[in-house]
């Protein structure tokens, strides 16, 4: 069974709930199985790390944590948060995402 997700990597989204409510950011990664996404500079957590080859000093790092997709809303080309619909493109006969607010195709 495949899970339908309305958000893809690279989309701009608005956070609807949680500590980061109202912030916007770019989606870095989508975890389809757990229905979560990681958004750039949003929902940051403090992580303590030991020294290693990648980080020779170690210390305290800020890291983005996953947010449930139901708490995210896509931002369309006009800069407003919108719901996502789907329709068939007449030219290519493929299913495309469409903004419910403006009706324009989301790339």
Protein backbone atom coordinates (compact mmCIF):
# COMPACT_ATOMS: atom_id res chain seq x y z
CA UNK A 1 0.00 0.00 0.00
CA UNK A 2 1.45 3.36 -1.01
CA UNK A 3 0.92 6.43 1.14
CA UNK A 4 -0.09 9.69 -0.57
CA UNK A 5 1.86 12.69 0.74
CA UNK A 6 0.93 16.24 -0.33
CA UNK A 7 4.39 17.65 0.47
CA UNK A 8 7.63 16.95 -1.40
CA UNK A 9 11.31 17.71 -0.86
CA UNK A 10 12.09 21.31 -1.82
CA UNK A 11 8.56 22.69 -1.14
CA UNK A 12 8.06 25.82 0.94
CA UNK A 13 5.71 25.14 3.85
CA UNK A 14 4.08 26.94 6.78
CA UNK A 15 4.01 25.33 10.24
CA UNK A 16 0.44 25.09 11.63
CA UNK A 17 1.06 23.71 15.13
CA UNK A 18 3.73 23.25 17.78
CA UNK A 19 6.51 25.47 19.12
CA UNK A 20 7.39 26.66 15.61
CA UNK A 21 3.80 27.65 14.71
CA UNK A 22 3.62 30.38 12.06
CA UNK A 23 7.18 29.90 10.77
CA UNK A 24 7.93 29.01 7.17
CA UNK A 25 10.76 27.00 5.66
CA UNK A 26 11.96 24.70 2.93
CA UNK A 27 11.41 20.93 3.24
CA UNK A 28 14.78 19.15 3.42
CA UNK A 29 13.52 15.57 3.69
CA UNK A 30 10.22 13.67 3.72
CA UNK A 31 9.87 10.43 5.70
CA UNK A 32 6.88 8.82 3.98
CA UNK A 33 6.61 5.74 6.23
CA UNK A 34 6.40 7.77 9.45
CA UNK A 35 4.42 10.60 7.74
CA UNK A 36 6.93 13.24 8.88
CA UNK A 37 9.09 15.92 7.26
CA UNK A 38 12.21 17.84 8.23
CA UNK A 39 11.97 21.60 7.58
CA UNK A 40 15.00 23.91 7.37
CA UNK A 41 15.64 25.95 10.58
CA UNK A 42 12.33 24.88 12.17
CA UNK A 43 11.67 22.65 15.22
CA UNK A 44 15.30 22.82 16.35
CA UNK A 45 16.54 20.56 19.14
CA UNK A 46 19.80 20.71 21.08
CA UNK A 47 22.03 17.69 20.58
CA UNK A 48 25.21 16.99 22.59
CA UNK A 49 27.93 15.27 20.56
CA UNK A 50 31.31 13.73 21.27
CA UNK A 51 34.33 14.72 19.20
CA UNK A 52 34.61 12.77 15.94
CA UNK A 53 36.15 13.13 12.47
CA UNK A 54 33.25 15.25 11.18
CA UNK A 55 33.13 17.48 14.27
CA UNK A 56 36.59 17.43 15.92
CA UNK A 57 35.63 19.65 18.88
CA UNK A 58 32.29 18.02 19.68
CA UNK A 59 29.92 20.15 21.75
CA UNK A 60 26.32 21.26 21.52
CA UNK A 61 24.62 21.37 18.10
CA UNK A 62 21.22 22.61 16.95
CA UNK A 63 19.48 20.05 14.75
CA UNK A 64 16.17 20.05 12.86
CA UNK A 65 13.72 17.42 14.11
CA UNK A 66 10.86 15.87 12.10
CA UNK A 67 7.37 17.42 12.12
CA UNK A 68 4.20 15.48 11.34
CA UNK A 69 2.95 16.30 7.84
CA UNK A 70 -0.53 17.14 9.11
CA UNK A 71 1.05 20.16 10.84
CA UNK A 72 2.44 21.53 7.56
CA UNK A 73 0.69 23.53 4.84
CA UNK A 74 2.11 24.12 1.38
CA UNK A 75 2.87 27.68 0.24
CA UNK A 76 1.93 28.27 -3.42
CA UNK A 77 3.55 30.64 -5.94
CA UNK A 78 1.67 33.68 -4.61
CA UNK A 79 3.17 33.19 -1.13
CA UNK A 80 -0.03 32.10 0.62
CA UNK A 81 -0.63 28.83 2.47
CA UNK A 82 -3.01 26.59 0.56
CA UNK A 83 -4.50 23.12 0.51
CA UNK A 84 -3.38 20.77 -2.25
CA UNK A 85 -5.56 19.15 -4.88
CA UNK A 86 -4.72 16.82 -7.75
CA UNK A 87 -5.83 16.80 -11.39
CA UNK A 88 -4.78 15.26 -14.70
CA UNK A 89 -2.71 17.44 -17.02
CA UNK A 90 -4.26 17.38 -20.51
CA UNK A 91 -0.93 17.70 -22.38
CA UNK A 92 1.19 15.12 -20.56
CA UNK A 93 -1.65 13.00 -19.11
CA UNK A 94 0.11 12.97 -15.71
CA UNK A 95 -1.34 13.81 -12.30
CA UNK A 96 -0.20 17.24 -11.06
CA UNK A 97 -0.60 19.08 -7.75
CA UNK A 98 -2.91 22.11 -7.82
CA UNK A 99 -3.37 24.97 -5.34
CA UNK A 100 -6.93 24.96 -3.98
CA UNK A 101 -6.76 28.72 -3.34
CA UNK A 102 -5.50 30.01 -6.68
CA UNK A 103 -6.03 26.99 -8.95
CA UNK A 104 -2.48 27.18 -10.33
CA UNK A 105 -0.29 24.11 -10.87
CA UNK A 106 2.38 23.56 -8.22
CA UNK A 107 5.70 22.51 -9.70
